[in-house]
Every structure is written in C-alpha cells, then in structure tokens.
C-alpha cells in the first residue's frame, strides 16, 4: 500500500472555481470545483460516483465556498449548492488528479447529452 501523500498547501482559487493542491515533493494539481463536486465521496451517495443524470444537474455552475481540514488525512469541502458531506482523503485527491482527464471527459459527455 502506497503511503498517504503529504500535502503542503491547499489553495482555493478566486471565485471558488478550483482547488490547488500542492505536495511536499513539489508536485501540484488544480482540481476544478465541478470535478470535486461531481465525484464527491459523500455518505449520501454511498461512496459511489455521480451518475450521468447527477452530473448534468451539477455542471457547470458549482463553486467551492470553503475548505476545512479533517485530521491529518482529509478535507471537507463546502459547495454553493449546499453539498458538504464528502470527506476527500489526500489519497482520493491524488486519484482525482492522476485520472483528471478521464473524469473531466465523463463530465463533458454528461453535459453534451444534457444539451441534446
């Protein structure tokens, strides 16, 4: 099992459109709010990822209002649509960053199908 990534800094972008994650090793990632909201690991979704219908409801207007630390392993994000139940572990943030293209493609497909 890989060790938990060491996050050195979390920065909410102006307007809450993204979260910048900076790691102790110098690596960094920009995670869009829509990505984080669409793939929230919340209890209310049972840990499953958003369906295409749910993605269409989220895209593209969601913003992050604030970030709160949860111990030394996760953060809780508060979104302007009222969602605030997901705990984003540092490992999960890394997974989102590593697979961002696939996740954003899924969001784009859901948006396209909503406009058909």
Protein backbone atom coordinates (compact mmCIF):
# COMPACT_ATOMS: atom_id res chain seq x y z
CA UNK A 1 0.00 0.00 0.00
CA UNK A 2 1.38 3.42 -1.00
CA UNK A 3 1.90 5.97 1.74
CA UNK A 4 -0.58 8.86 2.10
CA UNK A 5 0.63 11.79 0.00
CA UNK A 6 1.95 14.72 2.04
CA UNK A 7 0.03 17.86 1.13
CA UNK A 8 1.87 21.06 1.97
CA UNK A 9 -0.74 23.58 0.87
CA UNK A 10 -4.35 23.84 -0.28
CA UNK A 11 -5.41 26.99 -2.12
CA UNK A 12 -8.96 27.84 -3.10
CA UNK A 13 -8.88 29.81 -6.36
CA UNK A 14 -10.58 33.17 -6.67
CA UNK A 15 -14.29 32.61 -7.05
CA UNK A 16 -14.02 29.03 -5.75
CA UNK A 17 -13.80 27.51 -9.21
CA UNK A 18 -10.93 25.16 -8.30
CA UNK A 19 -8.76 23.78 -5.54
CA UNK A 20 -4.98 23.88 -5.97
CA UNK A 21 -3.27 21.01 -4.16
CA UNK A 22 0.46 21.39 -3.53
CA UNK A 23 2.50 18.43 -2.30
CA UNK A 24 5.66 18.34 -0.18
CA UNK A 25 7.57 16.82 -3.11
CA UNK A 26 6.87 19.95 -5.23
CA UNK A 27 4.12 18.39 -7.34
CA UNK A 28 0.84 20.29 -7.63
CA UNK A 29 -2.58 19.87 -9.23
CA UNK A 30 -5.54 22.11 -9.99
CA UNK A 31 -8.82 20.31 -9.35
CA UNK A 32 -11.91 22.07 -10.75
CA UNK A 33 -14.86 22.51 -8.39
CA UNK A 34 -17.14 20.70 -10.83
CA UNK A 35 -14.82 17.67 -10.72
CA UNK A 36 -14.72 17.63 -6.93
CA UNK A 37 -18.50 18.06 -6.62
CA UNK A 38 -19.32 15.56 -9.35
CA UNK A 39 -17.16 12.85 -7.82
CA UNK A 40 -17.79 13.59 -4.16
CA UNK A 41 -17.10 10.61 -1.87
CA UNK A 42 -20.06 11.54 0.34
CA UNK A 43 -22.10 9.28 2.58
CA UNK A 44 -25.30 10.44 0.88
CA UNK A 45 -24.11 8.93 -2.39
CA UNK A 46 -22.99 5.75 -0.63
CA UNK A 47 -19.44 6.36 -1.82
CA UNK A 48 -20.46 5.80 -5.44
CA UNK A 49 -19.60 8.28 -8.16
CA UNK A 50 -22.22 10.56 -9.70
CA UNK A 51 -24.49 9.15 -12.39
CA UNK A 52 -24.83 10.90 -15.75
CA UNK A 53 -28.13 12.43 -14.58
CA UNK A 54 -26.50 13.75 -11.40
CA UNK A 55 -23.57 15.13 -13.40
CA UNK A 56 -25.95 17.06 -15.65
CA UNK A 57 -27.51 18.66 -12.54
CA UNK A 58 -24.11 19.77 -11.20
CA UNK A 59 -22.41 21.05 -14.34
CA UNK A 60 -21.10 23.71 -14.73
CA UNK A 61 -22.03 26.26 -12.10
CA UNK A 62 -20.86 24.82 -8.78
CA UNK A 63 -18.27 26.67 -6.67
CA UNK A 64 -16.36 25.80 -3.51
CA UNK A 65 -17.16 28.14 -0.63
CA UNK A 66 -14.67 26.89 1.92
CA UNK A 67 -12.31 24.08 2.94
CA UNK A 68 -11.95 22.54 6.40
CA UNK A 69 -9.27 20.06 7.47
CA UNK A 70 -10.31 16.69 8.85
CA UNK A 71 -7.47 15.38 10.98
CA UNK A 72 -4.23 14.94 9.07
CA UNK A 73 -5.68 12.85 6.27
CA UNK A 74 -8.61 14.63 4.59
CA UNK A 75 -10.54 17.80 3.91
CA UNK A 76 -14.22 18.64 3.84
CA UNK A 77 -15.42 20.92 1.06
CA UNK A 78 -18.45 23.19 1.21
CA UNK A 79 -20.12 23.92 -2.13
CA UNK A 80 -22.52 26.69 -3.06
CA UNK A 81 -25.22 24.15 -3.97
CA UNK A 82 -25.39 23.15 -0.28
CA UNK A 83 -23.38 19.94 -0.60
CA UNK A 84 -20.96 19.50 2.30
CA UNK A 85 -20.88 15.84 3.29
CA UNK A 86 -17.92 14.47 1.34
CA UNK A 87 -14.60 13.77 3.04
CA UNK A 88 -11.80 13.98 0.49
CA UNK A 89 -8.82 11.98 1.70
CA UNK A 90 -5.44 13.08 0.44
CA UNK A 91 -5.19 9.76 -1.39
CA UNK A 92 -8.52 10.39 -3.13
CA UNK A 93 -7.43 13.91 -4.17
CA UNK A 94 -4.36 12.26 -5.71
CA UNK A 95 -6.56 9.75 -7.56
CA UNK A 96 -8.69 12.56 -8.97
CA UNK A 97 -5.57 14.44 -10.07
CA UNK A 98 -3.98 11.36 -11.66
CA UNK A 99 -7.14 10.49 -13.58
CA UNK A 100 -8.41 14.03 -14.20
CA UNK A 101 -8.69 13.62 -17.98
CA UNK A 102 -10.99 10.60 -17.70
CA UNK A 103 -13.13 12.24 -15.02
CA UNK A 104 -13.45 15.51 -16.96
CA UNK A 105 -14.32 13.56 -20.13
CA UNK A 106 -17.16 11.90 -18.24
CA UNK A 107 -18.42 15.30 -17.11
CA UNK A 108 -18.16 16.64 -20.69
CA UNK A 109 -20.17 13.69 -22.04
CA UNK A 110 -22.89 14.27 -19.43
CA UNK A 111 -23.00 17.97 -20.32
CA UNK A 112 -23.24 17.18 -24.04
CA UNK A 113 -26.07 14.70 -23.51
CA UNK A 114 -27.94 17.29 -21.42
CA UNK A 115 -27.75 19.72 -24.34
CA UNK A 116 -29.06 17.20 -26.92
